C-alpha atoms as a PDB file:
ATOM      1  CA  MET A   1      98.190 135.131 139.490  1.00  0.00           C
ATOM      2  CA  SER A   2      96.145 132.899 137.214  1.00  0.00           C
ATOM      3  CA  GLU A   3      96.066 133.182 133.435  1.00  0.00           C
ATOM      4  CA  LEU A   4      92.492 134.476 133.671  1.00  0.00           C
ATOM      5  CA  SER A   5      93.563 137.190 136.130  1.00  0.00           C
ATOM      6  CA  ARG A   6      96.460 138.241 133.887  1.00  0.00           C
ATOM      7  CA  LYS A   7      94.159 138.421 130.854  1.00  0.00           C
ATOM      8  CA  ALA A   8      91.568 140.456 132.806  1.00  0.00           C
ATOM      9  CA  ALA A   9      94.287 142.871 133.943  1.00  0.00           C
ATOM     10  CA  ALA A  10      95.544 143.243 130.363  1.00  0.00           C
ATOM     11  CA  ILE A  11      92.007 143.953 129.117  1.00  0.00           C
ATOM     12  CA  ASN A  12      91.302 146.345 131.973  1.00  0.00           C
ATOM     13  CA  CYS A  13      94.512 148.379 131.683  1.00  0.00           C
ATOM     14  CA  PRO A  14      95.982 148.055 128.171  1.00  0.00           C
ATOM     15  CA  ASN A  15      98.022 151.244 128.606  1.00  0.00           C
ATOM     16  CA  GLU A  16      98.121 151.283 132.404  1.00  0.00           C
ATOM     17  CA  VAL A  17      94.915 153.339 132.419  1.00  0.00           C
ATOM     18  CA  PRO A  18      91.803 151.459 133.582  1.00  0.00           C
ATOM     19  CA  VAL A  19      89.293 151.101 130.746  1.00  0.00           C
ATOM     20  CA  TRP A  20      86.776 148.739 132.363  1.00  0.00           C
ATOM     21  CA  GLN A  21      85.595 147.893 135.812  1.00  0.00           C
ATOM     22  CA  ILE A  22      87.677 144.885 136.862  1.00  0.00           C
ATOM     23  CA  TRP A  23      84.637 142.583 136.970  1.00  0.00           C
ATOM     24  CA  ASP A  24      83.704 143.557 133.409  1.00  0.00           C
ATOM     25  CA  ALA A  25      87.247 142.663 132.374  1.00  0.00           C
ATOM     26  CA  VAL A  26      86.940 139.282 134.129  1.00  0.00           C
ATOM     27  CA  ILE A  27      83.649 138.563 132.311  1.00  0.00           C
ATOM     28  CA  ILE A  28      85.245 139.518 128.977  1.00  0.00           C
ATOM     29  CA  SER A  29      88.237 137.260 129.735  1.00  0.00           C
ATOM     30  CA  VAL A  30      86.004 134.290 130.588  1.00  0.00           C
ATOM     31  CA  CYS A  31      83.972 134.823 127.404  1.00  0.00           C
ATOM     32  CA  ASP A  32      87.181 134.927 125.375  1.00  0.00           C
ATOM     33  CA  ALA A  33      88.540 131.793 127.057  1.00  0.00           C
ATOM     34  CA  HIS A  34      85.370 129.863 126.227  1.00  0.00           C
ATOM     35  CA  GLY A  35      84.791 131.120 122.693  1.00  0.00           C
ATOM     36  CA  VAL A  36      81.669 133.147 123.481  1.00  0.00           C
ATOM     37  CA  SER A  37      80.760 135.363 120.517  1.00  0.00           C
ATOM     38  CA  THR A  38      77.959 137.481 122.031  1.00  0.00           C
ATOM     39  CA  LEU A  39      77.609 138.944 125.519  1.00  0.00           C
ATOM     40  CA  PHE A  40      74.184 140.260 126.477  1.00  0.00           C
ATOM     41  CA  THR A  41      74.592 143.072 129.015  1.00  0.00           C
ATOM     42  CA  GLN A  42      73.290 146.538 129.676  1.00  0.00           C
ATOM     43  CA  ASP A  43      76.472 147.538 131.488  1.00  0.00           C
ATOM     44  CA  MET A  44      78.787 147.917 128.485  1.00  0.00           C
ATOM     45  CA  GLN A  45      78.575 149.846 125.232  1.00  0.00           C
ATOM     46  CA  ASP A  46      75.980 148.309 122.916  1.00  0.00           C
ATOM     47  CA  GLY A  47      77.470 147.095 119.640  1.00  0.00           C
ATOM     48  CA  GLN A  48      81.064 147.284 120.838  1.00  0.00           C
ATOM     49  CA  ARG A  49      83.427 144.527 119.729  1.00  0.00           C
ATOM     50  CA  ILE A  50      86.252 143.324 121.919  1.00  0.00           C
ATOM     51  CA  GLY A  51      88.284 140.863 119.914  1.00  0.00           C
ATOM     52  CA  GLY A  52      85.752 138.310 118.716  1.00  0.00           C
ATOM     53  CA  LEU A  53      83.179 139.267 121.377  1.00  0.00           C
ATOM     54  CA  LYS A  54      80.175 141.440 120.500  1.00  0.00           C
ATOM     55  CA  ILE A  55      78.389 143.383 123.252  1.00  0.00           C
ATOM     56  CA  VAL A  56      74.579 143.460 122.887  1.00  0.00           C
ATOM     57  CA  ASN A  57      72.217 145.386 125.159  1.00  0.00           C
ATOM     58  CA  PRO A  58      69.150 143.120 125.444  1.00  0.00           C
ATOM     59  CA  PHE A  59      66.985 146.085 126.489  1.00  0.00           C
ATOM     60  CA  ASN A  60      67.670 148.094 123.336  1.00  0.00           C
ATOM     61  CA  PRO A  61      64.622 147.685 121.071  1.00  0.00           C
ATOM     62  CA  ALA A  62      66.938 147.703 118.044  1.00  0.00           C
ATOM     63  CA  ASN A  63      68.355 144.382 119.291  1.00  0.00           C
ATOM     64  CA  ALA A  64      64.984 142.622 119.692  1.00  0.00           C
ATOM     65  CA  TYR A  65      65.507 140.289 116.739  1.00  0.00           C
ATOM     66  CA  GLU A  66      68.999 139.249 117.860  1.00  0.00           C
ATOM     67  CA  VAL A  67      67.811 138.633 121.428  1.00  0.00           C
ATOM     68  CA  ALA A  68      64.819 136.614 120.221  1.00  0.00           C
ATOM     69  CA  ALA A  69      67.070 134.542 117.948  1.00  0.00           C
ATOM     70  CA  TYR A  70      69.120 133.460 120.983  1.00  0.00           C
ATOM     71  CA  LEU A  71      66.131 132.890 123.255  1.00  0.00           C
ATOM     72  CA  PHE A  72      63.945 130.925 120.879  1.00  0.00           C
ATOM     73  CA  THR A  73      66.384 128.733 118.940  1.00  0.00           C
END
């Protein structure tokens, strides 16, 4: 099992109870491995922080400024 797979499994099941879909956990692990600070997705809880990663729903009107800042800079 690769380091990425182990990290995804640890994120997905911190107390042996699945918290995320496994693919969400893999995406979170890859973001963490590469120092990504913001993940734009509609599939996770908007505003949630996982370690240093912030989840942002790009379709939430309240996030329009943050989305535009990433798209147009």
